[in-house]
Structure formats: structure tokens, C-alpha cells
Protein backbone atom coordinates (compact mmCIF):
# COMPACT_ATOMS: atom_id res chain seq x y z
CA VAL A 1 85.83 71.85 101.93
CA GLU A 2 87.49 73.59 99.32
CA ALA A 3 90.94 75.09 99.60
CA GLU A 4 92.46 77.50 97.00
CA GLY A 5 95.35 79.99 97.33
CA ASP A 6 97.38 82.42 95.18
CA LEU A 7 101.16 81.89 94.94
CA ASP A 8 103.78 82.82 92.05
CA PHE A 9 105.52 79.57 91.12
CA ARG A 10 108.49 81.68 89.75
CA GLY A 11 109.65 82.57 93.39
CA THR A 12 109.10 78.95 94.55
CA LEU A 13 111.18 77.54 91.78
CA GLY A 14 113.88 80.19 92.20
CA VAL A 15 113.49 81.50 88.37
CA ALA A 16 112.65 84.88 89.45
CA LYS A 17 114.58 86.64 92.42
CA ASP A 18 111.73 89.37 92.56
CA ALA A 19 108.98 87.13 92.80
CA PRO A 20 107.76 86.06 96.34
CA VAL A 21 108.00 82.36 97.80
CA GLY A 22 105.01 81.06 99.39
CA PHE A 23 101.29 81.77 99.29
CA ARG A 24 100.03 85.34 99.18
CA ALA A 25 96.45 84.39 99.98
CA ILE A 26 94.66 81.35 101.14
CA ARG A 27 90.74 80.75 101.01
CA LEU A 28 88.95 77.89 102.66
CA ASN A 29 85.27 77.45 101.65
CA PHE A 30 82.98 75.00 103.45
CA ASN A 31 80.01 73.72 101.47
CA LEU A 32 77.48 72.70 104.16
CA ASP A 33 74.34 70.81 103.59
CA THR A 34 72.31 71.62 106.59
CA ALA A 35 68.93 73.07 107.93
CA GLU A 36 70.51 74.69 110.84
CA PRO A 37 69.86 78.22 111.51
CA GLN A 38 72.44 80.79 110.22
CA GLU A 39 73.49 81.55 113.82
CA ARG A 40 74.49 77.95 114.38
CA VAL A 41 76.51 78.21 111.05
CA ASP A 42 78.08 81.40 111.99
CA SER A 43 79.04 79.88 115.45
CA LEU A 44 80.54 76.76 113.67
CA LEU A 45 82.70 78.93 111.52
CA LYS A 46 83.80 80.88 114.75
CA LEU A 47 84.78 77.98 116.53
CA THR A 48 86.53 76.50 113.52
CA GLU A 49 88.63 79.64 113.23
CA ARG A 50 89.34 79.60 117.03
CA TYR A 51 90.46 75.91 117.56
CA CYS A 52 91.91 75.20 113.91
CA VAL A 53 95.62 74.41 114.67
CA VAL A 54 96.89 75.37 111.14
CA PHE A 55 94.38 78.40 110.81
CA GLN A 56 95.81 79.84 114.24
CA THR A 57 99.52 78.81 113.55
CA ILE A 58 99.43 80.66 110.13
CA SER A 59 97.30 83.61 111.25
CA GLN A 60 99.42 84.19 114.40
CA LYS A 61 102.91 83.92 112.78
CA PRO A 62 104.95 81.57 115.29
CA GLU A 63 108.49 82.26 116.24
CA LEU A 64 110.68 80.56 113.60
CA THR A 65 114.36 79.55 113.71
CA VAL A 66 116.65 77.98 111.23
CA SER A 67 120.12 76.30 112.32
CA ALA A 68 122.67 74.05 110.84
CA ARG A 69 124.91 71.60 112.66
CA ARG A 70 127.75 69.58 111.61
């Protein structure tokens, strides 16, 4: 598995207020060594997208809250 993404470190480090914080794109590449037919590989990819907790959390934007207590 290869994971890569695009982000502007200026935003993450707080050195440029106009630069976004966080990843703007994330790419996952699976390099498979298999003799399986393409339809099985396609099915694997579809099921991976459907049941991957991290993928679903990012793609469905969960409800987020921030709080502070003293």
C-alpha cells in the first residue's frame, strides 16, 4: 500500500494565515501481485472503500465538536 497526499505545511505550521490547514488530497494505491480476474480485483477495491473505517470517516465528514472545561 502506498499513501500520499497534498498539504501546505505553511498552514499547518501557522506561518501563513491564508494557507489551508490539513490535507487537500489523499491518494491510496494498492499494488497487488495476483492472477485474479479484473472483476475480483474491482470487487476487492469496492469492498475496501465500503468497509474501511478511516476511508468512510473521512469521506462522510462526521459531526465534530470542540469543547474546553476548567
